Amino acid sequence: MNIIIKTRHAEVEESLKAYASKKMRKLRKFLREPAMVELTFEDVRGGLKGGRDKSVHITATVPKEGKPIHVEELSDDFAVSVDLAELHLRRILERYHEKSRRGFRHVWRRIFRK
C-alpha cells in the first residue's frame, strides 16, 4: 500500500506522520493492492486561533474499483482527527468488504441449489 502524507497551512511533526502511517497500514487487509492512501493535514483557521480547526482528509484509491473513498474529520488536535478519520474509513471499508463477501456467497447458494 502506498501512503502519501501532505500538509496544508500546518507544520506536522515526524512522530505524528509515523503515527498516521501506522494507523493507515492497519487498513491494508481491507484494500486490494496496489492501493494508495493519501492523508492531508490542514490547519483550517491558522495556528493562532484555538478550537476545532485541525482537519485530516483521507482519500483511499484502489485501481479498477471505481470511485475513491474520501473521509474528512475535524477536531482540536491532529492525533484525534487521525483517530476519528481512521475509524470512519475502517467502518466504510468493513461495510464494503462484508457486502462483497456476502454477495458472493449468495451467488454460490443460487448455483448449488439447482
PDB file of N, CA and C in Angstrom:
ATOM      1  N   MET A   1       0.849  -1.169   0.000  1.00  0.00           N
ATOM      2  CA  MET A   1       0.000   0.000   0.000  1.00  0.00           C
ATOM      3  C   MET A   1       0.897   1.235   0.000  1.00  0.00           C
ATOM      4  N   ASN A   2       0.560   2.177  -0.849  1.00  0.00           N
ATOM      5  CA  ASN A   2       1.316   3.406  -0.978  1.00  0.00           C
ATOM      6  C   ASN A   2       0.644   4.485  -0.126  1.00  0.00           C
ATOM      7  N   ILE A   3       1.376   5.063   0.826  1.00  0.00           N
ATOM      8  CA  ILE A   3       0.823   6.081   1.724  1.00  0.00           C
ATOM      9  C   ILE A   3       1.521   7.404   1.444  1.00  0.00           C
ATOM     10  N   ILE A   4       0.744   8.422   1.103  1.00  0.00           N
ATOM     11  CA  ILE A   4       1.270   9.749   0.819  1.00  0.00           C
ATOM     12  C   ILE A   4       0.741  10.693   1.890  1.00  0.00           C
ATOM     13  N   ILE A   5       1.650  11.445   2.524  1.00  0.00           N
ATOM     14  CA  ILE A   5       1.258  12.380   3.581  1.00  0.00           C
ATOM     15  C   ILE A   5       1.588  13.795   3.126  1.00  0.00           C
ATOM     16  N   LYS A   6       0.573  14.673   3.142  1.00  0.00           N
ATOM     17  CA  LYS A   6       0.733  16.067   2.743  1.00  0.00           C
ATOM     18  C   LYS A   6       0.288  16.968   3.886  1.00  0.00           C
ATOM     19  N   THR A   7       0.774  18.202   3.873  1.00  0.00           N
ATOM     20  CA  THR A   7       0.324  19.190   4.854  1.00  0.00           C
ATOM     21  C   THR A   7      -0.114  20.446   4.111  1.00  0.00           C
ATOM     22  N   ARG A   8      -1.076  21.137   4.706  1.00  0.00           N
ATOM     23  CA  ARG A   8      -1.561  22.383   4.132  1.00  0.00           C
ATOM     24  C   ARG A   8      -1.768  23.374   5.272  1.00  0.00           C
ATOM     25  N   HIS A   9      -1.025  24.450   5.252  1.00  0.00           N
ATOM     26  CA  HIS A   9      -1.115  25.508   6.259  1.00  0.00           C
ATOM     27  C   HIS A   9      -0.827  24.988   7.667  1.00  0.00           C
ATOM     28  N   ALA A  10       0.022  23.982   7.788  1.00  0.00           N
ATOM     29  CA  ALA A  10       0.322  23.422   9.111  1.00  0.00           C
ATOM     30  C   ALA A  10       1.703  22.790   9.096  1.00  0.00           C
ATOM     31  N   GLU A  11       2.316  22.764  10.257  1.00  0.00           N
ATOM     32  CA  GLU A  11       3.569  22.046  10.437  1.00  0.00           C
ATOM     33  C   GLU A  11       3.270  20.823  11.294  1.00  0.00           C
ATOM     34  N   VAL A  12       3.631  19.656  10.784  1.00  0.00           N
ATOM     35  CA  VAL A  12       3.324  18.405  11.464  1.00  0.00           C
ATOM     36  C   VAL A  12       4.633  17.708  11.799  1.00  0.00           C
ATOM     37  N   GLU A  13       4.737  17.236  13.037  1.00  0.00           N
ATOM     38  CA  GLU A  13       5.953  16.552  13.472  1.00  0.00           C
ATOM     39  C   GLU A  13       6.064  15.179  12.815  1.00  0.00           C
ATOM     40  N   GLU A  14       7.291  14.684  12.737  1.00  0.00           N
ATOM     41  CA  GLU A  14       7.539  13.366  12.140  1.00  0.00           C
ATOM     42  C   GLU A  14       6.873  12.254  12.954  1.00  0.00           C
ATOM     43  N   SER A  15       6.791  12.435  14.272  1.00  0.00           N
ATOM     44  CA  SER A  15       6.155  11.407  15.101  1.00  0.00           C
ATOM     45  C   SER A  15       4.669  11.268  14.758  1.00  0.00           C
ATOM     46  N   LEU A  16       4.007  12.380  14.469  1.00  0.00           N
ATOM     47  CA  LEU A  16       2.599  12.334  14.084  1.00  0.00           C
ATOM     48  C   LEU A  16       2.431  11.708  12.700  1.00  0.00           C
ATOM     49  N   LYS A  17       3.356  11.993  11.791  1.00  0.00           N
ATOM     50  CA  LYS A  17       3.309  11.372  10.465  1.00  0.00           C
ATOM     51  C   LYS A  17       3.500   9.864  10.577  1.00  0.00           C
ATOM     52  N   ALA A  18       4.424   9.437  11.444  1.00  0.00           N
ATOM     53  CA  ALA A  18       4.648   8.000  11.650  1.00  0.00           C
ATOM     54  C   ALA A  18       3.416   7.349  12.277  1.00  0.00           C
ATOM     55  N   TYR A  19       2.786   8.047  13.218  1.00  0.00           N
ATOM     56  CA  TYR A  19       1.570   7.542  13.863  1.00  0.00           C
ATOM     57  C   TYR A  19       0.449   7.360  12.837  1.00  0.00           C
ATOM     58  N   ALA A  20       0.260   8.356  11.979  1.00  0.00           N
ATOM     59  CA  ALA A  20      -0.788   8.282  10.959  1.00  0.00           C
ATOM     60  C   ALA A  20      -0.489   7.178   9.951  1.00  0.00           C
ATOM     61  N   SER A  21       0.760   7.035   9.583  1.00  0.00           N
ATOM     62  CA  SER A  21       1.145   5.982   8.640  1.00  0.00           C
ATOM     63  C   SER A  21       0.899   4.600   9.230  1.00  0.00           C
ATOM     64  N   LYS A  22       1.199   4.448  10.513  1.00  0.00           N
ATOM     65  CA  LYS A  22       0.964   3.169  11.195  1.00  0.00           C
ATOM     66  C   LYS A  22      -0.530   2.844  11.236  1.00  0.00           C
ATOM     67  N   LYS A  23      -1.358   3.856  11.495  1.00  0.00           N
ATOM     68  CA  LYS A  23      -2.809   3.657  11.526  1.00  0.00           C
ATOM     69  C   LYS A  23      -3.339   3.230  10.156  1.00  0.00           C
ATOM     70  N   MET A  24      -2.797   3.833   9.099  1.00  0.00           N
ATOM     71  CA  MET A  24      -3.268   3.513   7.751  1.00  0.00           C
ATOM     72  C   MET A  24      -2.811   2.122   7.317  1.00  0.00           C
ATOM     73  N   ARG A  25      -1.642   1.686   7.766  1.00  0.00           N
ATOM     74  CA  ARG A  25      -1.160   0.351   7.409  1.00  0.00           C
ATOM     75  C   ARG A  25      -2.051  -0.739   7.992  1.00  0.00           C
ATOM     76  N   LYS A  26      -2.762  -0.442   9.078  1.00  0.00           N
ATOM     77  CA  LYS A  26      -3.675  -1.421   9.671  1.00  0.00           C
ATOM     78  C   LYS A  26      -4.876  -1.692   8.764  1.00  0.00           C
ATOM     79  N   LEU A  27      -5.170  -0.780   7.857  1.00  0.00           N
ATOM     80  CA  LEU A  27      -6.302  -0.943   6.945  1.00  0.00           C
ATOM     81  C   LEU A  27      -5.932  -1.752   5.707  1.00  0.00           C
ATOM     82  N   ARG A  28      -4.716  -2.233   5.645  1.00  0.00           N
ATOM     83  CA  ARG A  28      -4.223  -2.965   4.478  1.00  0.00           C
ATOM     84  C   ARG A  28      -5.071  -4.190   4.160  1.00  0.00           C
ATOM     85  N   LYS A  29      -5.603  -4.836   5.188  1.00  0.00           N
ATOM     86  CA  LYS A  29      -6.361  -6.070   4.954  1.00  0.00           C
ATOM     87  C   LYS A  29      -7.680  -5.825   4.220  1.00  0.00           C
ATOM     88  N   PHE A  30      -8.157  -4.572   4.216  1.00  0.00           N
ATOM     89  CA  PHE A  30      -9.404  -4.263   3.531  1.00  0.00           C
ATOM     90  C   PHE A  30      -9.193  -3.738   2.114  1.00  0.00           C
ATOM     91  N   LEU A  31      -7.972  -3.341   1.788  1.00  0.00           N
ATOM     92  CA  LEU A  31      -7.694  -2.735   0.488  1.00  0.00           C
ATOM     93  C   LEU A  31      -6.901  -3.688  -0.387  1.00  0.00           C
ATOM     94  N   ARG A  32      -7.317  -3.818  -1.630  1.00  0.00           N
ATOM     95  CA  ARG A  32      -6.572  -4.640  -2.577  1.00  0.00           C
ATOM     96  C   ARG A  32      -5.366  -3.863  -3.085  1.00  0.00           C
ATOM     97  N   GLU A  33      -4.321  -4.583  -3.384  1.00  0.00           N
ATOM     98  CA  GLU A  33      -3.116  -3.945  -3.916  1.00  0.00           C
ATOM     99  C   GLU A  33      -3.287  -3.698  -5.401  1.00  0.00           C
ATOM    100  N   PRO A  34      -2.714  -2.720  -5.981  1.00  0.00           N
ATOM    101  CA  PRO A  34      -1.925  -1.642  -5.393  1.00  0.00           C
ATOM    102  C   PRO A  34      -2.832  -0.491  -4.953  1.00  0.00           C
ATOM    103  N   ALA A  35      -3.021  -0.331  -3.696  1.00  0.00           N
ATOM    104  CA  ALA A  35      -3.876   0.725  -3.149  1.00  0.00           C
ATOM    105  C   ALA A  35      -3.030   1.950  -2.817  1.00  0.00           C
ATOM    106  N   MET A  36      -3.666   3.110  -2.856  1.00  0.00           N
ATOM    107  CA  MET A  36      -2.984   4.343  -2.496  1.00  0.00           C
ATOM    108  C   MET A  36      -3.845   5.086  -1.477  1.00  0.00           C
ATOM    109  N   VAL A  37      -3.237   5.475  -0.369  1.00  0.00           N
ATOM    110  CA  VAL A  37      -3.928   6.237   0.662  1.00  0.00           C
ATOM    111  C   VAL A  37      -3.214   7.577   0.786  1.00  0.00           C
ATOM    112  N   GLU A  38      -3.977   8.648   0.659  1.00  0.00           N
ATOM    113  CA  GLU A  38      -3.409   9.989   0.739  1.00  0.00           C
ATOM    114  C   GLU A  38      -3.981  10.706   1.959  1.00  0.00           C
ATOM    115  N   LEU A  39      -3.105  11.137   2.869  1.00  0.00           N
ATOM    116  CA  LEU A  39      -3.509  11.885   4.062  1.00  0.00           C
ATOM    117  C   LEU A  39      -3.106  13.336   3.876  1.00  0.00           C
ATOM    118  N   THR A  40      -4.013  14.245   4.203  1.00  0.00           N
ATOM    119  CA  THR A  40      -3.706  15.666   4.145  1.00  0.00           C
ATOM    120  C   THR A  40      -4.033  16.277   5.501  1.00  0.00           C
ATOM    121  N   PHE A  41      -3.013  16.845   6.141  1.00  0.00           N
ATOM    122  CA  PHE A  41      -3.191  17.559   7.404  1.00  0.00           C
ATOM    123  C   PHE A  41      -3.397  19.033   7.066  1.00  0.00           C
ATOM    124  N   GLU A  42      -4.455  19.630   7.628  1.00  0.00           N
ATOM    125  CA  GLU A  42      -4.747  21.024   7.328  1.00  0.00           C
ATOM    126  C   GLU A  42      -5.157  21.758   8.599  1.00  0.00           C
ATOM    127  N   ASP A  43      -4.556  22.931   8.795  1.00  0.00           N
ATOM    128  CA  ASP A  43      -4.961  23.812   9.886  1.00  0.00           C
ATOM    129  C   ASP A  43      -5.914  24.833   9.275  1.00  0.00           C
ATOM    130  N   VAL A  44      -7.195  24.706   9.563  1.00  0.00           N
ATOM    131  CA  VAL A  44      -8.230  25.454   8.854  1.00  0.00           C
ATOM    132  C   VAL A  44      -8.154  26.950   9.136  1.00  0.00           C
ATOM    133  N   ARG A  45      -8.052  27.348  10.395  1.00  0.00           N
ATOM    134  CA  ARG A  45      -8.081  28.766  10.754  1.00  0.00           C
ATOM    135  C   ARG A  45      -6.720  29.328  11.129  1.00  0.00           C
ATOM    136  N   GLY A  46      -5.678  28.598  10.888  1.00  0.00           N
ATOM    137  CA  GLY A  46      -4.354  29.074  11.257  1.00  0.00           C
ATOM    138  C   GLY A  46      -4.008  28.669  12.675  1.00  0.00           C
ATOM    139  N   GLY A  47      -2.740  28.775  13.021  1.00  0.00           N
ATOM    140  CA  GLY A  47      -2.271  28.307  14.315  1.00  0.00           C
ATOM    141  C   GLY A  47      -2.568  29.230  15.477  1.00  0.00           C
ATOM    142  N   LEU A  48      -2.998  30.459  15.218  1.00  0.00           N
ATOM    143  CA  LEU A  48      -3.190  31.416  16.301  1.00  0.00           C
ATOM    144  C   LEU A  48      -4.514  31.244  17.027  1.00  0.00           C
ATOM    145  N   LYS A  49      -5.529  30.804  16.339  1.00  0.00           N
ATOM    146  CA  LYS A  49      -6.843  30.656  16.960  1.00  0.00           C
ATOM    147  C   LYS A  49      -7.034  29.226  17.430  1.00  0.00           C
ATOM    148  N   GLY A  50      -7.722  29.058  18.522  1.00  0.00           N
ATOM    149  CA  GLY A  50      -7.982  27.724  19.049  1.00  0.00           C
ATOM    150  C   GLY A  50      -9.262  27.152  18.484  1.00  0.00           C
ATOM    151  N   GLY A  51      -9.724  26.087  19.097  1.00  0.00           N
ATOM    152  CA  GLY A  51     -10.973  25.476  18.669  1.00  0.00           C
ATOM    153  C   GLY A  51     -10.749  24.316  17.722  1.00  0.00           C
ATOM    154  N   ARG A  52     -11.842  23.871  17.151  1.00  0.00           N
ATOM    155  CA  ARG A  52     -11.785  22.721  16.242  1.00  0.00           C
ATOM    156  C   ARG A  52     -11.327  23.198  14.869  1.00  0.00           C
ATOM    157  N   ASP A  53     -10.030  23.204  14.659  1.00  0.00           N
ATOM    158  CA  ASP A  53      -9.520  23.681  13.384  1.00  0.00           C
ATOM    159  C   ASP A  53      -8.448  22.779  12.783  1.00  0.00           C
ATOM    160  N   LYS A  54      -8.225  21.612  13.356  1.00  0.00           N
ATOM    161  CA  LYS A  54      -7.246  20.661  12.821  1.00  0.00           C
ATOM    162  C   LYS A  54      -8.000  19.605  12.011  1.00  0.00           C
ATOM    163  N   SER A  55      -7.803  19.636  10.715  1.00  0.00           N
ATOM    164  CA  SER A  55      -8.549  18.764   9.821  1.00  0.00           C
ATOM    165  C   SER A  55      -7.627  17.725   9.197  1.00  0.00           C
ATOM    166  N   VAL A  56      -8.149  16.513   9.037  1.00  0.00           N
ATOM    167  CA  VAL A  56      -7.432  15.438   8.354  1.00  0.00           C
ATOM    168  C   VAL A  56      -8.333  14.908   7.247  1.00  0.00           C
ATOM    169  N   HIS A  57      -7.819  14.926   6.025  1.00  0.00           N
ATOM    170  CA  HIS A  57      -8.524  14.378   4.865  1.00  0.00           C
ATOM    171  C   HIS A  57      -7.826  13.079   4.485  1.00  0.00           C
ATOM    172  N   ILE A  58      -8.586  12.017   4.294  1.00  0.00           N
ATOM    173  CA  ILE A  58      -8.026  10.744   3.842  1.00  0.00           C
ATOM    174  C   ILE A  58      -8.755  10.338   2.571  1.00  0.00           C
ATOM    175  N   THR A  59      -7.979  10.047   1.540  1.00  0.00           N
ATOM    176  CA  THR A  59      -8.537   9.554   0.288  1.00  0.00           C
ATOM    177  C   THR A  59      -7.896   8.214  -0.015  1.00  0.00           C
ATOM    178  N   ALA A  60      -8.702   7.169  -0.055  1.00  0.00           N
ATOM    179  CA  ALA A  60      -8.222   5.819  -0.363  1.00  0.00           C
ATOM    180  C   ALA A  60      -8.632   5.484  -1.792  1.00  0.00           C
ATOM    181  N   THR A  61      -7.647   5.129  -2.604  1.00  0.00           N
ATOM    182  CA  THR A  61      -7.888   4.822  -4.004  1.00  0.00           C
ATOM    183  C   THR A  61      -7.388   3.426  -4.311  1.00  0.00           C
ATOM    184  N   VAL A  62      -8.268   2.619  -4.891  1.00  0.00           N
ATOM    185  CA  VAL A  62      -7.897   1.279  -5.333  1.00  0.00           C
ATOM    186  C   VAL A  62      -8.138   1.230  -6.836  1.00  0.00           C
ATOM    187  N   PRO A  63      -7.109   0.947  -7.632  1.00  0.00           N
ATOM    188  CA  PRO A  63      -7.306   0.885  -9.076  1.00  0.00           C
ATOM    189  C   PRO A  63      -8.353  -0.165  -9.454  1.00  0.00           C
ATOM    190  N   LYS A  64      -9.123   0.146 -10.476  1.00  0.00           N
ATOM    191  CA  LYS A  64     -10.143  -0.747 -11.025  1.00  0.00           C
ATOM    192  C   LYS A  64     -11.312  -0.987 -10.070  1.00  0.00           C
ATOM    193  N   GLU A  65     -11.478  -0.149  -9.045  1.00  0.00           N
ATOM    194  CA  GLU A  65     -12.576  -0.328  -8.090  1.00  0.00           C
ATOM    195  C   GLU A  65     -13.625   0.772  -8.203  1.00  0.00           C
ATOM    196  N   GLY A  66     -13.422   1.733  -9.058  1.00  0.00           N
ATOM    197  CA  GLY A  66     -14.402   2.803  -9.171  1.00  0.00           C
ATOM    198  C   GLY A  66     -13.947   4.059  -8.460  1.00  0.00           C
ATOM    199  N   LYS A  67     -14.869   4.697  -7.771  1.00  0.00           N
ATOM    200  CA  LYS A  67     -14.591   5.978  -7.133  1.00  0.00           C
ATOM    201  C   LYS A  67     -13.697   5.815  -5.909  1.00  0.00           C
ATOM    202  N   PRO A  68     -12.835   6.803  -5.652  1.00  0.00           N
ATOM    203  CA  PRO A  68     -12.051   6.769  -4.416  1.00  0.00           C
ATOM    204  C   PRO A  68     -12.938   7.066  -3.212  1.00  0.00           C
ATOM    205  N   ILE A  69     -12.509   6.613  -2.051  1.00  0.00           N
ATOM    206  CA  ILE A  69     -13.244   6.837  -0.806  1.00  0.00           C
ATOM    207  C   ILE A  69     -12.599   8.020  -0.104  1.00  0.00           C
ATOM    208  N   HIS A  70     -13.408   9.024   0.238  1.00  0.00           N
ATOM    209  CA  HIS A  70     -12.884  10.230   0.867  1.00  0.00           C
ATOM    210  C   HIS A  70     -13.521  10.410   2.241  1.00  0.00           C
ATOM    211  N   VAL A  71     -12.671  10.657   3.238  1.00  0.00           N
ATOM    212  CA  VAL A  71     -13.121  10.864   4.615  1.00  0.00           C
ATOM    213  C   VAL A  71     -12.453  12.132   5.129  1.00  0.00           C
ATOM    214  N   GLU A  72     -13.202  12.939   5.881  1.00  0.00           N
ATOM    215  CA  GLU A  72     -12.654  14.156   6.465  1.00  0.00           C
ATOM    216  C   GLU A  72     -13.134  14.270   7.905  1.00  0.00           C
ATOM    217  N   GLU A  73     -12.210  14.546   8.811  1.00  0.00           N
ATOM    218  CA  GLU A  73     -12.557  14.732  10.224  1.00  0.00           C
ATOM    219  C   GLU A  73     -11.903  16.005  10.739  1.00  0.00           C
ATOM    220  N   LEU A  74     -12.584  16.655  11.673  1.00  0.00           N
ATOM    221  CA  LEU A  74     -12.150  17.928  12.214  1.00  0.00           C
ATOM    222  C   LEU A  74     -12.194  17.865  13.735  1.00  0.00           C
ATOM    223  N   SER A  75     -11.106  18.273  14.396  1.00  0.00           N
ATOM    224  CA  SER A  75     -11.082  18.326  15.862  1.00  0.00           C
ATOM    225  C   SER A  75     -10.047  19.362  16.292  1.00  0.00           C
ATOM    226  N   ASP A  76      -9.770  19.411  17.592  1.00  0.00           N
ATOM    227  CA  ASP A  76      -8.821  20.399  18.091  1.00  0.00           C
ATOM    228  C   ASP A  76      -7.383  19.884  18.132  1.00  0.00           C
ATOM    229  N   ASP A  77      -7.152  18.637  17.723  1.00  0.00           N
ATOM    230  CA  ASP A  77      -5.811  18.057  17.728  1.00  0.00           C
ATOM    231  C   ASP A  77      -5.671  17.135  16.518  1.00  0.00           C
ATOM    232  N   PHE A  78      -4.500  17.146  15.888  1.00  0.00           N
ATOM    233  CA  PHE A  78      -4.293  16.309  14.710  1.00  0.00           C
ATOM    234  C   PHE A  78      -4.372  14.820  15.032  1.00  0.00           C
ATOM    235  N   ALA A  79      -3.864  14.410  16.180  1.00  0.00           N
ATOM    236  CA  ALA A  79      -3.890  12.984  16.535  1.00  0.00           C
ATOM    237  C   ALA A  79      -5.328  12.489  16.694  1.00  0.00           C
ATOM    238  N   VAL A  80      -6.173  13.302  17.303  1.00  0.00           N
ATOM    239  CA  VAL A  80      -7.586  12.934  17.461  1.00  0.00           C
ATOM    240  C   VAL A  80      -8.266  12.882  16.095  1.00  0.00           C
ATOM    241  N   SER A  81      -7.941  13.831  15.228  1.00  0.00           N
ATOM    242  CA  SER A  81      -8.512  13.828  13.879  1.00  0.00           C
ATOM    243  C   SER A  81      -8.097  12.589  13.104  1.00  0.00           C
ATOM    244  N   VAL A  82      -6.844  12.166  13.264  1.00  0.00           N
ATOM    245  CA  VAL A  82      -6.369  10.946  12.593  1.00  0.00           C
ATOM    246  C   VAL A  82      -7.140   9.739  13.107  1.00  0.00           C
ATOM    247  N   ASP A  83      -7.322   9.659  14.424  1.00  0.00           N
ATOM    248  CA  ASP A  83      -8.061   8.533  15.006  1.00  0.00           C
ATOM    249  C   ASP A  83      -9.501   8.480  14.489  1.00  0.00           C
ATOM    250  N   LEU A  84     -10.174   9.628  14.482  1.00  0.00           N
ATOM    251  CA  LEU A  84     -11.563   9.674  14.024  1.00  0.00           C
ATOM    252  C   LEU A  84     -11.679   9.334  12.539  1.00  0.00           C
ATOM    253  N   ALA A  85     -10.763   9.863  11.739  1.00  0.00           N
ATOM    254  CA  ALA A  85     -10.805   9.592  10.301  1.00  0.00           C
ATOM    255  C   ALA A  85     -10.500   8.125  10.008  1.00  0.00           C
ATOM    256  N   GLU A  86      -9.549   7.551  10.735  1.00  0.00           N
ATOM    257  CA  GLU A  86      -9.218   6.133  10.543  1.00  0.00           C
ATOM    258  C   GLU A  86     -10.405   5.254  10.920  1.00  0.00           C
ATOM    259  N   LEU A  87     -11.089   5.588  12.001  1.00  0.00           N
ATOM    260  CA  LEU A  87     -12.263   4.829  12.423  1.00  0.00           C
ATOM    261  C   LEU A  87     -13.387   4.926  11.385  1.00  0.00           C
ATOM    262  N   HIS A  88     -13.601   6.130  10.870  1.00  0.00           N
ATOM    263  CA  HIS A  88     -14.632   6.339   9.855  1.00  0.00           C
ATOM    264  C   HIS A  88     -14.307   5.548   8.582  1.00  0.00           C
ATOM    265  N   LEU A  89     -13.055   5.615   8.132  1.00  0.00           N
ATOM    266  CA  LEU A  89     -12.643   4.880   6.934  1.00  0.00           C
ATOM    267  C   LEU A  89     -12.715   3.375   7.164  1.00  0.00           C
ATOM    268  N   ARG A  90     -12.336   2.927   8.358  1.00  0.00           N
ATOM    269  CA  ARG A  90     -12.411   1.495   8.677  1.00  0.00           C
ATOM    270  C   ARG A  90     -13.858   1.000   8.581  1.00  0.00           C
ATOM    271  N   ARG A  91     -14.809   1.767   9.107  1.00  0.00           N
ATOM    272  CA  ARG A  91     -16.223   1.373   9.036  1.00  0.00           C
ATOM    273  C   ARG A  91     -16.702   1.268   7.595  1.00  0.00           C
ATOM    274  N   ILE A  92     -16.318   2.227   6.775  1.00  0.00           N
ATOM    275  CA  ILE A  92     -16.715   2.201   5.366  1.00  0.00           C
ATOM    276  C   ILE A  92     -16.122   0.983   4.672  1.00  0.00           C
ATOM    277  N   LEU A  93     -14.833   0.722   4.903  1.00  0.00           N
ATOM    278  CA  LEU A  93     -14.174  -0.412   4.253  1.00  0.00           C
ATOM    279  C   LEU A  93     -14.712  -1.746   4.758  1.00  0.00           C
ATOM    280  N   GLU A  94     -15.004  -1.848   6.058  1.00  0.00           N
ATOM    281  CA  GLU A  94     -15.583  -3.086   6.592  1.00  0.00           C
ATOM    282  C   GLU A  94     -16.954  -3.347   5.976  1.00  0.00           C
ATOM    283  N   ARG A  95     -17.755  -2.304   5.851  1.00  0.00           N
ATOM    284  CA  ARG A  95     -19.078  -2.453   5.256  1.00  0.00           C
ATOM    285  C   ARG A  95     -18.963  -2.906   3.797  1.00  0.00           C
ATOM    286  N   TYR A  96     -18.056  -2.288   3.052  1.00  0.00           N
ATOM    287  CA  TYR A  96     -17.853  -2.656   1.655  1.00  0.00           C
ATOM    288  C   TYR A  96     -17.337  -4.090   1.543  1.00  0.00           C
ATOM    289  N   HIS A  97     -16.391  -4.439   2.403  1.00  0.00           N
ATOM    290  CA  HIS A  97     -15.798  -5.780   2.388  1.00  0.00           C
ATOM    291  C   HIS A  97     -16.850  -6.842   2.713  1.00  0.00           C
ATOM    292  N   GLU A  98     -17.672  -6.577   3.714  1.00  0.00           N
ATOM    293  CA  GLU A  98     -18.702  -7.540   4.117  1.00  0.00           C
ATOM    294  C   GLU A  98     -19.772  -7.689   3.034  1.00  0.00           C
ATOM    295  N   LYS A  99     -20.158  -6.591   2.412  1.00  0.00           N
ATOM    296  CA  LYS A  99     -21.152  -6.677   1.342  1.00  0.00           C
ATOM    297  C   LYS A  99     -20.627  -7.479   0.165  1.00  0.00           C
ATOM    298  N   SER A 100     -19.363  -7.294  -0.164  1.00  0.00           N
ATOM    299  CA  SER A 100     -18.807  -8.042  -1.293  1.00  0.00           C
ATOM    300  C   SER A 100     -18.708  -9.526  -0.960  1.00  0.00           C
ATOM    301  N   ARG A 101     -18.361  -9.868   0.272  1.00  0.00           N
ATOM    302  CA  ARG A 101     -18.286 -11.276   0.674  1.00  0.00           C
ATOM    303  C   ARG A 101     -19.677 -11.903   0.706  1.00  0.00           C
ATOM    304  N   ARG A 102     -20.627 -11.213   1.294  1.00  0.00           N
ATOM    305  CA  ARG A 102     -21.970 -11.735   1.425  1.00  0.00           C
ATOM    306  C   ARG A 102     -22.624 -11.928   0.060  1.00  0.00           C
ATOM    307  N   GLY A 103     -22.415 -10.984  -0.837  1.00  0.00           N
ATOM    308  CA  GLY A 103     -22.979 -11.103  -2.171  1.00  0.00           C
ATOM    309  C   GLY A 103     -22.424 -12.298  -2.911  1.00  0.00           C
ATOM    310  N   PHE A 104     -21.153 -12.584  -2.749  1.00  0.00           N
ATOM    311  CA  PHE A 104     -20.528 -13.725  -3.407  1.00  0.00           C
ATOM    312  C   PHE A 104     -21.104 -15.028  -2.876  1.00  0.00           C
ATOM    313  N   ARG A 105     -21.365 -15.091  -1.586  1.00  0.00           N
ATOM    314  CA  ARG A 105     -21.935 -16.308  -1.005  1.00  0.00           C
ATOM    315  C   ARG A 105     -23.337 -16.574  -1.536  1.00  0.00           C
ATOM    316  N   HIS A 106     -24.121 -15.511  -1.703  1.00  0.00           N
ATOM    317  CA  HIS A 106     -25.468 -15.696  -2.225  1.00  0.00           C
ATOM    318  C   HIS A 106     -25.440 -16.237  -3.650  1.00  0.00           C
ATOM    319  N   VAL A 107     -24.467 -15.827  -4.423  1.00  0.00           N
ATOM    320  CA  VAL A 107     -24.340 -16.345  -5.787  1.00  0.00           C
ATOM    321  C   VAL A 107     -24.084 -17.839  -5.745  1.00  0.00           C
ATOM    322  N   TRP A 108     -23.183 -18.294  -4.873  1.00  0.00           N
ATOM    323  CA  TRP A 108     -22.883 -19.723  -4.778  1.00  0.00           C
ATOM    324  C   TRP A 108     -24.089 -20.512  -4.278  1.00  0.00           C
ATOM    325  N   ARG A 109     -24.862 -19.948  -3.378  1.00  0.00           N
ATOM    326  CA  ARG A 109     -26.058 -20.646  -2.895  1.00  0.00           C
ATOM    327  C   ARG A 109     -27.051 -20.855  -4.027  1.00  0.00           C
ATOM    328  N   ARG A 110     -27.199 -19.832  -4.876  1.00  0.00           N
ATOM    329  CA  ARG A 110     -28.115 -19.965  -6.002  1.00  0.00           C
ATOM    330  C   ARG A 110     -27.618 -21.009  -6.998  1.00  0.00           C
ATOM    331  N   ILE A 111     -26.328 -21.094  -7.187  1.00  0.00           N
ATOM    332  CA  ILE A 111     -25.772 -22.062  -8.139  1.00  0.00           C
ATOM    333  C   ILE A 111     -25.962 -23.485  -7.630  1.00  0.00           C
ATOM    334  N   PHE A 112     -25.660 -23.715  -6.350  1.00  0.00           N
ATOM    335  CA  PHE A 112     -25.701 -25.074  -5.823  1.00  0.00           C
ATOM    336  C   PHE A 112     -27.108 -25.537  -5.446  1.00  0.00           C
ATOM    337  N   ARG A 113     -28.077 -24.646  -5.357  1.00  0.00           N
ATOM    338  CA  ARG A 113     -29.445 -25.044  -5.038  1.00  0.00           C
ATOM    339  C   ARG A 113     -30.083 -25.827  -6.179  1.00  0.00           C
ATOM    340  N   LYS A 114     -29.725 -25.496  -7.374  1.00  0.00           N
ATOM    341  CA  LYS A 114     -30.371 -26.121  -8.541  1.00  0.00           C
ATOM    342  C   LYS A 114     -29.839 -27.484  -8.843  1.00  0.00           C
TER     343      LYS A 114
END
